């Protein structure tokens, strides 16, 4: 949507379930920043219902933080948002304060591929929604695999035209929707 000044007006995305249902998150006008669509989030959180309560969540390539905020809204104990873009990280901090989630949510401003491995090892649930068409989803999957705990779940998104190599993982669910392909993974036993 264009403002009269000619600048692109940032969009909004709504949290679709839990305590923060219908709350709005602003979307910055950034190339490659595309929040996970409502329909996809709804399906993913239906898959995750048994593991969300009291979970420790790591939202990598957080962007708007829609996935992490959705998890907090539905009962996750804590969320750490990892976002490299300084404006997006600022927006995440603003929304954490606006929703009164400071004790349960923090932002780490850095490249997700440089995340402290301790964050990964402590996470019950990890979301990764990197920019599409750059091979980042596959690189992240290979990078994170050795650090995941056996009971952790990883939700990773990529372009629908991309197929991730998931050796070393059990593929619990997949979803193709619009331009997204979503995998729910667990480390293979």
N, C-alpha and C. Protein backbone atom coordinates (compact mmCIF):
# COMPACT_ATOMS: atom_id res chain seq x y z
N UNK A 1 0.86 -1.16 0.00
CA UNK A 1 0.00 0.00 0.00
C UNK A 1 0.90 1.23 0.00
N UNK A 2 0.65 2.16 -0.87
CA UNK A 2 1.47 3.36 -0.98
C UNK A 2 0.87 4.49 -0.16
N UNK A 3 1.70 5.21 0.56
CA UNK A 3 1.27 6.44 1.23
C UNK A 3 1.30 7.55 0.20
N UNK A 4 0.71 8.67 0.52
CA UNK A 4 0.71 9.80 -0.39
C UNK A 4 2.11 10.34 -0.63
N UNK A 5 3.03 10.09 0.27
CA UNK A 5 4.40 10.56 0.10
C UNK A 5 5.16 9.72 -0.91
N UNK A 6 4.57 8.61 -1.35
CA UNK A 6 5.23 7.73 -2.29
C UNK A 6 6.04 6.63 -1.62
N UNK A 7 6.17 6.68 -0.30
CA UNK A 7 6.90 5.64 0.41
C UNK A 7 5.99 4.43 0.62
N UNK A 8 6.60 3.27 0.62
CA UNK A 8 5.82 2.07 0.86
C UNK A 8 5.45 1.99 2.34
N UNK A 9 4.19 1.80 2.62
CA UNK A 9 3.71 1.68 3.99
C UNK A 9 3.95 0.25 4.46
N UNK A 10 4.59 0.07 5.60
CA UNK A 10 4.80 -1.29 6.08
C UNK A 10 3.46 -1.96 6.34
N UNK A 11 3.42 -3.25 6.12
CA UNK A 11 2.20 -4.01 6.36
C UNK A 11 2.12 -4.45 7.80
N UNK A 12 1.14 -5.25 8.08
CA UNK A 12 0.98 -5.84 9.41
C UNK A 12 0.66 -7.31 9.25
N UNK A 13 0.99 -8.05 10.26
CA UNK A 13 0.61 -9.45 10.35
C UNK A 13 -0.01 -9.63 11.73
N UNK A 14 -1.01 -10.45 11.81
CA UNK A 14 -1.71 -10.68 13.09
C UNK A 14 -1.32 -12.02 13.68
N UNK A 15 -1.24 -12.04 15.00
CA UNK A 15 -1.07 -13.29 15.72
C UNK A 15 -2.43 -13.99 15.68
N UNK A 16 -2.42 -15.28 15.35
CA UNK A 16 -3.69 -15.96 15.06
C UNK A 16 -4.25 -16.82 16.19
N UNK A 17 -3.48 -17.02 17.26
CA UNK A 17 -4.01 -17.85 18.34
C UNK A 17 -3.42 -17.49 19.69
N UNK A 18 -4.04 -17.99 20.74
CA UNK A 18 -3.52 -17.81 22.09
C UNK A 18 -3.86 -16.47 22.72
N UNK A 19 -3.09 -16.13 23.76
CA UNK A 19 -3.34 -14.92 24.56
C UNK A 19 -3.20 -13.63 23.76
N UNK A 20 -2.36 -13.62 22.75
CA UNK A 20 -2.13 -12.42 21.94
C UNK A 20 -2.93 -12.42 20.64
N UNK A 21 -3.88 -13.32 20.53
CA UNK A 21 -4.67 -13.45 19.31
C UNK A 21 -5.18 -12.08 18.86
N UNK A 22 -5.06 -11.83 17.57
CA UNK A 22 -5.47 -10.60 16.88
C UNK A 22 -4.51 -9.43 17.10
N UNK A 23 -3.47 -9.61 17.91
CA UNK A 23 -2.47 -8.55 18.07
C UNK A 23 -1.72 -8.38 16.76
N UNK A 24 -1.35 -7.13 16.47
CA UNK A 24 -0.69 -6.82 15.20
C UNK A 24 0.81 -6.66 15.39
N UNK A 25 1.54 -7.17 14.41
CA UNK A 25 2.98 -6.97 14.32
C UNK A 25 3.24 -6.19 13.04
N UNK A 26 3.96 -5.09 13.14
CA UNK A 26 4.31 -4.33 11.95
C UNK A 26 5.33 -5.09 11.12
N UNK A 27 5.23 -4.93 9.80
CA UNK A 27 6.16 -5.55 8.87
C UNK A 27 6.96 -4.45 8.18
N UNK A 28 8.25 -4.47 8.37
CA UNK A 28 9.12 -3.49 7.73
C UNK A 28 9.16 -3.73 6.23
N UNK A 29 9.36 -2.68 5.48
CA UNK A 29 9.51 -2.79 4.04
C UNK A 29 10.98 -3.11 3.74
N UNK A 30 11.27 -4.42 3.65
CA UNK A 30 12.63 -4.89 3.41
C UNK A 30 12.59 -5.97 2.32
N UNK A 31 13.54 -5.92 1.39
CA UNK A 31 13.61 -7.00 0.40
C UNK A 31 13.80 -8.34 1.11
N UNK A 32 13.03 -9.34 0.71
CA UNK A 32 13.15 -10.67 1.27
C UNK A 32 12.42 -10.89 2.58
N UNK A 33 11.90 -9.83 3.20
CA UNK A 33 11.16 -9.99 4.45
C UNK A 33 9.71 -10.30 4.11
N UNK A 34 9.32 -11.55 4.36
CA UNK A 34 7.97 -11.99 4.08
C UNK A 34 7.52 -12.86 5.24
N UNK A 35 6.64 -12.33 6.06
CA UNK A 35 6.17 -13.12 7.21
C UNK A 35 5.49 -14.41 6.75
N UNK A 36 5.62 -15.42 7.57
CA UNK A 36 4.95 -16.69 7.28
C UNK A 36 3.45 -16.44 7.21
N UNK A 37 2.81 -16.84 6.10
CA UNK A 37 1.37 -16.59 5.93
C UNK A 37 0.52 -17.24 7.05
N UNK A 38 -0.63 -16.62 7.32
CA UNK A 38 -1.53 -17.12 8.37
C UNK A 38 -1.86 -18.59 8.22
N UNK A 39 -2.20 -19.01 7.00
CA UNK A 39 -2.60 -20.40 6.78
C UNK A 39 -1.47 -21.35 7.13
N UNK A 40 -0.25 -20.98 6.76
CA UNK A 40 0.90 -21.82 7.06
C UNK A 40 1.15 -21.85 8.57
N UNK A 41 1.10 -20.68 9.22
CA UNK A 41 1.28 -20.65 10.68
C UNK A 41 0.23 -21.49 11.38
N UNK A 42 -1.00 -21.39 10.93
CA UNK A 42 -2.07 -22.18 11.56
C UNK A 42 -1.76 -23.68 11.48
N UNK A 43 -1.36 -24.15 10.32
CA UNK A 43 -1.03 -25.57 10.16
C UNK A 43 0.16 -25.96 11.03
N UNK A 44 1.21 -25.17 10.98
CA UNK A 44 2.42 -25.47 11.76
C UNK A 44 2.09 -25.53 13.26
N UNK A 45 1.30 -24.59 13.75
CA UNK A 45 1.00 -24.60 15.19
C UNK A 45 0.01 -25.69 15.56
N UNK A 46 -0.78 -26.17 14.62
CA UNK A 46 -1.58 -27.37 14.88
C UNK A 46 -0.67 -28.58 15.04
N UNK A 47 0.37 -28.66 14.22
CA UNK A 47 1.35 -29.74 14.37
C UNK A 47 2.03 -29.70 15.73
N UNK A 48 2.32 -28.48 16.19
CA UNK A 48 3.16 -28.29 17.38
C UNK A 48 2.40 -28.21 18.70
N UNK A 49 1.08 -28.28 18.67
CA UNK A 49 0.29 -28.12 19.91
C UNK A 49 0.83 -28.90 21.09
N UNK A 50 1.24 -30.17 20.92
CA UNK A 50 1.72 -30.90 22.10
C UNK A 50 3.06 -30.41 22.65
N UNK A 51 3.88 -29.74 21.84
CA UNK A 51 5.22 -29.36 22.33
C UNK A 51 5.35 -27.88 22.70
N UNK A 52 4.33 -27.07 22.44
CA UNK A 52 4.40 -25.63 22.72
C UNK A 52 4.36 -25.30 24.21
N UNK A 53 3.46 -25.87 25.01
CA UNK A 53 3.39 -25.44 26.41
C UNK A 53 4.74 -25.57 27.13
N UNK A 54 5.17 -24.45 27.71
CA UNK A 54 6.41 -24.37 28.48
C UNK A 54 7.69 -24.59 27.67
N UNK A 55 7.60 -24.54 26.36
CA UNK A 55 8.77 -24.75 25.51
C UNK A 55 9.71 -23.54 25.54
N UNK A 56 10.96 -23.82 25.31
CA UNK A 56 11.97 -22.80 25.06
C UNK A 56 12.13 -22.71 23.55
N UNK A 57 11.87 -21.52 23.00
CA UNK A 57 11.80 -21.33 21.55
C UNK A 57 12.95 -20.46 21.07
N UNK A 58 13.51 -20.83 19.93
CA UNK A 58 14.52 -20.04 19.25
C UNK A 58 13.97 -19.72 17.86
N UNK A 59 13.76 -18.43 17.58
CA UNK A 59 13.22 -17.98 16.30
C UNK A 59 14.36 -17.35 15.50
N UNK A 60 14.94 -18.13 14.59
CA UNK A 60 16.08 -17.69 13.79
C UNK A 60 15.61 -17.00 12.53
N UNK A 61 16.37 -16.01 12.06
CA UNK A 61 15.94 -15.18 10.93
C UNK A 61 14.56 -14.62 11.25
N UNK A 62 14.40 -14.08 12.45
CA UNK A 62 13.09 -13.78 13.03
C UNK A 62 12.26 -12.79 12.22
N UNK A 63 12.86 -11.79 11.61
CA UNK A 63 12.08 -10.81 10.85
C UNK A 63 11.06 -10.13 11.74
N UNK A 64 9.78 -10.37 11.48
CA UNK A 64 8.70 -9.79 12.29
C UNK A 64 8.56 -10.49 13.63
N UNK A 65 9.09 -11.71 13.73
CA UNK A 65 8.94 -12.49 14.95
C UNK A 65 7.60 -13.21 15.04
N UNK A 66 6.88 -13.27 13.92
CA UNK A 66 5.53 -13.86 13.94
C UNK A 66 5.53 -15.27 14.54
N UNK A 67 6.52 -16.09 14.19
CA UNK A 67 6.53 -17.46 14.70
C UNK A 67 6.83 -17.50 16.20
N UNK A 68 7.81 -16.74 16.64
CA UNK A 68 8.13 -16.70 18.07
C UNK A 68 7.02 -16.10 18.91
N UNK A 69 6.42 -15.00 18.42
CA UNK A 69 5.30 -14.39 19.17
C UNK A 69 4.11 -15.34 19.20
N UNK A 70 3.87 -16.03 18.11
CA UNK A 70 2.77 -17.01 18.08
C UNK A 70 3.00 -18.10 19.12
N UNK A 71 4.25 -18.57 19.23
CA UNK A 71 4.58 -19.60 20.23
C UNK A 71 4.38 -19.07 21.65
N UNK A 72 4.85 -17.84 21.91
CA UNK A 72 4.64 -17.25 23.23
C UNK A 72 3.16 -17.08 23.53
N UNK A 73 2.40 -16.65 22.55
CA UNK A 73 0.97 -16.46 22.72
C UNK A 73 0.27 -17.76 23.09
N UNK A 74 0.81 -18.86 22.62
CA UNK A 74 0.19 -20.18 22.83
C UNK A 74 0.80 -20.95 23.99
N UNK A 75 1.65 -20.31 24.80
CA UNK A 75 2.10 -20.94 26.04
C UNK A 75 3.55 -21.32 26.13
N UNK A 76 4.38 -20.96 25.15
CA UNK A 76 5.81 -21.23 25.28
C UNK A 76 6.35 -20.44 26.48
N UNK A 77 7.31 -21.00 27.18
CA UNK A 77 7.86 -20.36 28.37
C UNK A 77 8.73 -19.17 28.02
N UNK A 78 9.50 -19.30 26.94
CA UNK A 78 10.39 -18.22 26.55
C UNK A 78 10.70 -18.31 25.07
N UNK A 79 11.13 -17.18 24.51
CA UNK A 79 11.55 -17.13 23.10
C UNK A 79 12.74 -16.21 22.97
N UNK A 80 13.69 -16.67 22.17
CA UNK A 80 14.83 -15.84 21.79
C UNK A 80 14.72 -15.61 20.29
N UNK A 81 14.70 -14.33 19.91
CA UNK A 81 14.58 -13.95 18.51
C UNK A 81 15.97 -13.61 18.00
N UNK A 82 16.42 -14.25 16.95
CA UNK A 82 17.72 -13.98 16.35
C UNK A 82 17.47 -13.27 15.02
N UNK A 83 17.92 -12.03 14.93
CA UNK A 83 17.68 -11.22 13.73
C UNK A 83 18.89 -10.32 13.49
N UNK A 84 19.40 -10.34 12.27
CA UNK A 84 20.59 -9.56 11.92
C UNK A 84 20.27 -8.10 11.61
N UNK A 85 19.16 -7.82 10.96
CA UNK A 85 18.83 -6.46 10.54
C UNK A 85 18.56 -5.59 11.77
N UNK A 86 19.27 -4.47 11.94
CA UNK A 86 19.10 -3.65 13.15
C UNK A 86 17.70 -3.06 13.28
N UNK A 87 17.06 -2.67 12.18
CA UNK A 87 15.71 -2.12 12.27
C UNK A 87 14.70 -3.19 12.66
N UNK A 88 14.85 -4.38 12.10
CA UNK A 88 13.95 -5.48 12.47
C UNK A 88 14.17 -5.89 13.92
N UNK A 89 15.42 -5.90 14.38
CA UNK A 89 15.70 -6.22 15.78
C UNK A 89 15.08 -5.17 16.70
N UNK A 90 15.17 -3.91 16.30
CA UNK A 90 14.54 -2.83 17.08
C UNK A 90 13.02 -3.04 17.15
N UNK A 91 12.40 -3.39 16.03
CA UNK A 91 10.95 -3.62 16.00
C UNK A 91 10.58 -4.80 16.90
N UNK A 92 11.40 -5.85 16.90
CA UNK A 92 11.15 -6.99 17.78
C UNK A 92 11.19 -6.56 19.24
N UNK A 93 12.19 -5.79 19.62
CA UNK A 93 12.29 -5.31 21.01
C UNK A 93 11.08 -4.45 21.37
N UNK A 94 10.68 -3.61 20.43
CA UNK A 94 9.50 -2.76 20.65
C UNK A 94 8.26 -3.62 20.92
N UNK A 95 8.05 -4.65 20.11
CA UNK A 95 6.87 -5.50 20.28
C UNK A 95 6.94 -6.33 21.56
N UNK A 96 8.13 -6.76 21.92
CA UNK A 96 8.28 -7.49 23.19
C UNK A 96 7.83 -6.59 24.34
N UNK A 97 8.28 -5.34 24.34
CA UNK A 97 7.90 -4.39 25.40
C UNK A 97 6.40 -4.08 25.31
N UNK A 98 5.90 -3.88 24.12
CA UNK A 98 4.48 -3.53 23.95
C UNK A 98 3.56 -4.62 24.49
N UNK A 99 3.95 -5.87 24.31
CA UNK A 99 3.14 -6.99 24.79
C UNK A 99 3.49 -7.41 26.22
N UNK A 100 4.44 -6.71 26.86
CA UNK A 100 4.83 -7.03 28.23
C UNK A 100 5.52 -8.38 28.36
N UNK A 101 6.32 -8.75 27.37
CA UNK A 101 6.96 -10.07 27.36
C UNK A 101 8.43 -10.04 27.76
N UNK A 102 8.92 -8.91 28.31
CA UNK A 102 10.33 -8.80 28.64
C UNK A 102 10.86 -9.97 29.47
N UNK A 103 10.14 -10.46 30.44
CA UNK A 103 10.74 -11.56 31.21
C UNK A 103 10.86 -12.86 30.40
N UNK A 104 10.08 -12.96 29.32
CA UNK A 104 10.03 -14.23 28.57
C UNK A 104 10.66 -14.17 27.19
N UNK A 105 11.03 -12.99 26.72
CA UNK A 105 11.51 -12.88 25.35
C UNK A 105 12.70 -11.92 25.26
N UNK A 106 13.67 -12.29 24.43
CA UNK A 106 14.83 -11.44 24.20
C UNK A 106 15.19 -11.48 22.72
N UNK A 107 15.98 -10.49 22.31
CA UNK A 107 16.44 -10.39 20.92
C UNK A 107 17.96 -10.46 20.92
N UNK A 108 18.49 -11.28 20.03
CA UNK A 108 19.92 -11.36 19.78
C UNK A 108 20.13 -10.84 18.36
N UNK A 109 20.83 -9.73 18.24
CA UNK A 109 21.03 -9.13 16.92
C UNK A 109 22.33 -9.66 16.32
N UNK A 110 22.17 -10.66 15.44
CA UNK A 110 23.32 -11.24 14.76
C UNK A 110 22.83 -12.17 13.66
N UNK A 111 23.76 -12.62 12.83
CA UNK A 111 23.47 -13.59 11.80
C UNK A 111 23.12 -14.91 12.49
N UNK A 112 22.01 -15.52 12.10
CA UNK A 112 21.58 -16.77 12.73
C UNK A 112 22.62 -17.88 12.57
N UNK A 113 23.40 -17.85 11.49
CA UNK A 113 24.43 -18.86 11.28
C UNK A 113 25.64 -18.66 12.19
N UNK A 114 25.60 -17.63 13.00
CA UNK A 114 26.67 -17.39 13.98
C UNK A 114 26.11 -17.46 15.40
N UNK A 115 24.93 -18.03 15.55
CA UNK A 115 24.28 -18.12 16.87
C UNK A 115 25.12 -18.93 17.84
N UNK A 116 25.05 -18.53 19.07
CA UNK A 116 25.69 -19.27 20.15
C UNK A 116 25.07 -20.67 20.18
N UNK A 117 25.90 -21.64 20.08
CA UNK A 117 25.41 -23.03 20.03
C UNK A 117 24.65 -23.41 21.31
N UNK A 118 24.95 -22.74 22.42
CA UNK A 118 24.22 -23.00 23.67
C UNK A 118 22.74 -22.65 23.51
N UNK A 119 22.43 -21.59 22.75
CA UNK A 119 21.04 -21.23 22.49
C UNK A 119 20.31 -22.38 21.81
N UNK A 120 20.99 -23.00 20.86
CA UNK A 120 20.39 -24.11 20.11
C UNK A 120 20.21 -25.31 21.02
N UNK A 121 21.22 -25.61 21.80
CA UNK A 121 21.16 -26.78 22.67
C UNK A 121 20.09 -26.65 23.75
N UNK A 122 19.74 -25.43 24.12
CA UNK A 122 18.72 -25.22 25.15
C UNK A 122 17.31 -25.11 24.58
N UNK A 123 17.17 -25.08 23.27
CA UNK A 123 15.86 -24.87 22.65
C UNK A 123 15.10 -26.18 22.46
N UNK A 124 13.83 -26.14 22.84
CA UNK A 124 12.93 -27.27 22.57
C UNK A 124 12.38 -27.18 21.15
N UNK A 125 12.24 -25.95 20.67
CA UNK A 125 11.60 -25.70 19.38
C UNK A 125 12.36 -24.58 18.68
N UNK A 126 12.77 -24.84 17.44
CA UNK A 126 13.51 -23.86 16.67
C UNK A 126 12.76 -23.58 15.37
N UNK A 127 12.57 -22.29 15.09
CA UNK A 127 11.99 -21.85 13.83
C UNK A 127 13.10 -21.24 13.00
N UNK A 128 13.13 -21.56 11.71
CA UNK A 128 14.10 -20.96 10.79
C UNK A 128 13.37 -20.62 9.49
N UNK A 129 13.30 -19.33 9.21
CA UNK A 129 12.65 -18.85 8.00
C UNK A 129 13.60 -17.88 7.29
N UNK A 130 14.71 -18.43 6.72
CA UNK A 130 15.69 -17.56 6.08
C UNK A 130 15.19 -17.02 4.74
N UNK A 131 15.85 -15.99 4.22
CA UNK A 131 15.49 -15.49 2.89
C UNK A 131 15.55 -16.63 1.87
N UNK A 132 14.59 -16.66 0.97
CA UNK A 132 14.52 -17.72 -0.04
C UNK A 132 15.54 -17.47 -1.15
N UNK A 133 15.83 -18.53 -1.90
CA UNK A 133 16.62 -18.50 -3.13
C UNK A 133 18.08 -18.10 -2.93
N UNK A 134 18.61 -18.32 -1.75
CA UNK A 134 20.02 -18.02 -1.52
C UNK A 134 20.76 -19.24 -0.98
N UNK A 135 20.09 -20.40 -0.86
CA UNK A 135 20.72 -21.59 -0.32
C UNK A 135 20.91 -21.56 1.19
N UNK A 136 20.33 -20.55 1.83
CA UNK A 136 20.54 -20.38 3.27
C UNK A 136 19.82 -21.47 4.07
N UNK A 137 18.65 -21.88 3.60
CA UNK A 137 17.91 -22.93 4.34
C UNK A 137 18.75 -24.20 4.44
N UNK A 138 19.36 -24.62 3.33
CA UNK A 138 20.17 -25.83 3.35
C UNK A 138 21.42 -25.63 4.20
N UNK A 139 22.06 -24.48 4.07
CA UNK A 139 23.26 -24.20 4.87
C UNK A 139 22.92 -24.22 6.36
N UNK A 140 21.80 -23.61 6.73
CA UNK A 140 21.38 -23.58 8.13
C UNK A 140 21.10 -24.99 8.63
N UNK A 141 20.41 -25.79 7.82
CA UNK A 141 20.07 -27.15 8.21
C UNK A 141 21.34 -27.97 8.49
N UNK A 142 22.32 -27.85 7.61
CA UNK A 142 23.58 -28.58 7.80
C UNK A 142 24.34 -28.06 9.02
N UNK A 143 24.32 -26.75 9.23
CA UNK A 143 25.04 -26.12 10.33
C UNK A 143 24.43 -26.49 11.69
N UNK A 144 23.11 -26.53 11.77
CA UNK A 144 22.45 -26.71 13.06
C UNK A 144 22.34 -28.18 13.49
N UNK A 145 22.37 -29.09 12.56
CA UNK A 145 22.12 -30.52 12.83
C UNK A 145 22.93 -31.06 14.01
N UNK A 146 24.25 -30.83 14.09
CA UNK A 146 25.01 -31.43 15.20
C UNK A 146 24.67 -30.86 16.58
N UNK A 147 24.02 -29.71 16.62
CA UNK A 147 23.75 -29.05 17.90
C UNK A 147 22.38 -29.37 18.48
N UNK A 148 21.50 -29.93 17.69
CA UNK A 148 20.13 -30.18 18.14
C UNK A 148 20.06 -31.31 19.15
N UNK A 149 19.20 -31.13 20.13
CA UNK A 149 18.94 -32.18 21.11
C UNK A 149 17.95 -33.19 20.52
N UNK A 150 17.99 -34.44 20.96
CA UNK A 150 17.13 -35.47 20.37
C UNK A 150 15.63 -35.16 20.44
N UNK A 151 15.19 -34.46 21.47
CA UNK A 151 13.75 -34.17 21.61
C UNK A 151 13.35 -32.83 21.00
N UNK A 152 14.32 -32.06 20.49
CA UNK A 152 14.00 -30.76 19.89
C UNK A 152 13.28 -30.95 18.56
N UNK A 153 12.50 -29.93 18.22
CA UNK A 153 11.82 -29.89 16.92
C UNK A 153 12.34 -28.68 16.16
N UNK A 154 12.50 -28.83 14.85
CA UNK A 154 12.94 -27.76 13.99
C UNK A 154 11.91 -27.57 12.89
N UNK A 155 11.41 -26.35 12.78
CA UNK A 155 10.52 -25.98 11.68
C UNK A 155 11.33 -25.08 10.78
N UNK A 156 11.54 -25.51 9.54
CA UNK A 156 12.34 -24.74 8.59
C UNK A 156 11.55 -24.52 7.31
N UNK A 157 11.64 -23.28 6.82
CA UNK A 157 10.94 -22.90 5.60
C UNK A 157 11.95 -22.67 4.48
N UNK A 158 11.49 -22.95 3.28
CA UNK A 158 12.27 -22.65 2.08
C UNK A 158 11.28 -22.39 0.95
N UNK A 159 11.80 -22.03 -0.19
CA UNK A 159 10.93 -21.83 -1.35
C UNK A 159 10.35 -23.17 -1.78
N UNK A 160 9.13 -23.15 -2.25
CA UNK A 160 8.47 -24.39 -2.68
C UNK A 160 9.25 -25.09 -3.79
N UNK A 161 9.99 -24.33 -4.56
CA UNK A 161 10.79 -24.91 -5.64
C UNK A 161 12.08 -25.54 -5.16
N UNK A 162 12.38 -25.41 -3.87
CA UNK A 162 13.59 -25.95 -3.26
C UNK A 162 13.27 -27.25 -2.54
N UNK A 163 14.16 -28.20 -2.61
CA UNK A 163 14.02 -29.43 -1.83
C UNK A 163 15.24 -29.53 -0.93
N UNK A 164 15.03 -29.57 0.36
CA UNK A 164 16.14 -29.66 1.30
C UNK A 164 16.61 -31.09 1.45
N UNK A 165 17.92 -31.25 1.59
CA UNK A 165 18.50 -32.56 1.88
C UNK A 165 18.40 -32.76 3.39
N UNK A 166 17.63 -33.72 3.82
CA UNK A 166 17.31 -33.88 5.24
C UNK A 166 17.98 -35.09 5.88
N UNK A 167 19.13 -35.52 5.33
CA UNK A 167 19.86 -36.64 5.94
C UNK A 167 20.18 -36.29 7.39
N UNK A 168 20.01 -37.26 8.27
CA UNK A 168 20.28 -37.04 9.69
C UNK A 168 19.07 -36.54 10.45
N UNK A 169 17.95 -36.37 9.75
CA UNK A 169 16.70 -35.91 10.37
C UNK A 169 15.58 -36.89 10.08
N UNK A 170 14.63 -36.96 10.98
CA UNK A 170 13.34 -37.58 10.70
C UNK A 170 12.43 -36.46 10.23
N UNK A 171 11.83 -36.63 9.06
CA UNK A 171 10.87 -35.65 8.55
C UNK A 171 9.51 -36.03 9.12
N UNK A 172 9.04 -35.22 10.07
CA UNK A 172 7.77 -35.52 10.75
C UNK A 172 6.57 -35.05 9.94
N UNK A 173 6.71 -33.88 9.29
CA UNK A 173 5.62 -33.31 8.48
C UNK A 173 6.23 -32.42 7.40
N UNK A 174 5.52 -32.26 6.32
CA UNK A 174 5.86 -31.26 5.30
C UNK A 174 4.57 -30.59 4.85
N UNK A 175 4.73 -29.37 4.37
CA UNK A 175 3.60 -28.60 3.87
C UNK A 175 4.07 -27.77 2.69
N UNK A 176 3.32 -27.83 1.60
CA UNK A 176 3.53 -26.94 0.47
C UNK A 176 2.33 -26.02 0.42
N UNK A 177 2.60 -24.71 0.49
CA UNK A 177 1.51 -23.73 0.47
C UNK A 177 2.02 -22.46 -0.20
N UNK A 178 1.36 -22.06 -1.27
CA UNK A 178 1.80 -20.87 -1.99
C UNK A 178 3.23 -21.05 -2.43
N UNK A 179 4.09 -20.09 -2.11
CA UNK A 179 5.49 -20.20 -2.50
C UNK A 179 6.36 -20.83 -1.41
N UNK A 180 5.74 -21.32 -0.33
CA UNK A 180 6.46 -21.88 0.82
C UNK A 180 6.46 -23.40 0.81
N UNK A 181 7.57 -23.96 1.25
CA UNK A 181 7.64 -25.37 1.65
C UNK A 181 8.13 -25.34 3.09
N UNK A 182 7.42 -26.07 3.96
CA UNK A 182 7.75 -26.09 5.38
C UNK A 182 8.00 -27.54 5.80
N UNK A 183 9.07 -27.72 6.56
CA UNK A 183 9.42 -29.02 7.10
C UNK A 183 9.37 -28.96 8.62
N UNK A 184 8.82 -30.01 9.24
CA UNK A 184 8.94 -30.23 10.67
C UNK A 184 9.89 -31.41 10.84
N UNK A 185 11.02 -31.16 11.50
CA UNK A 185 12.09 -32.14 11.60
C UNK A 185 12.47 -32.43 13.04
N UNK A 186 13.04 -33.62 13.22
CA UNK A 186 13.64 -34.02 14.49
C UNK A 186 14.93 -34.75 14.14
N UNK A 187 15.92 -34.67 14.97
CA UNK A 187 17.17 -35.39 14.72
C UNK A 187 16.88 -36.88 14.67
N UNK A 188 17.42 -37.56 13.66
CA UNK A 188 17.21 -39.01 13.53
C UNK A 188 17.88 -39.73 14.69
N UNK A 189 17.20 -40.75 15.17
CA UNK A 189 17.73 -41.53 16.30
C UNK A 189 18.88 -42.42 15.88
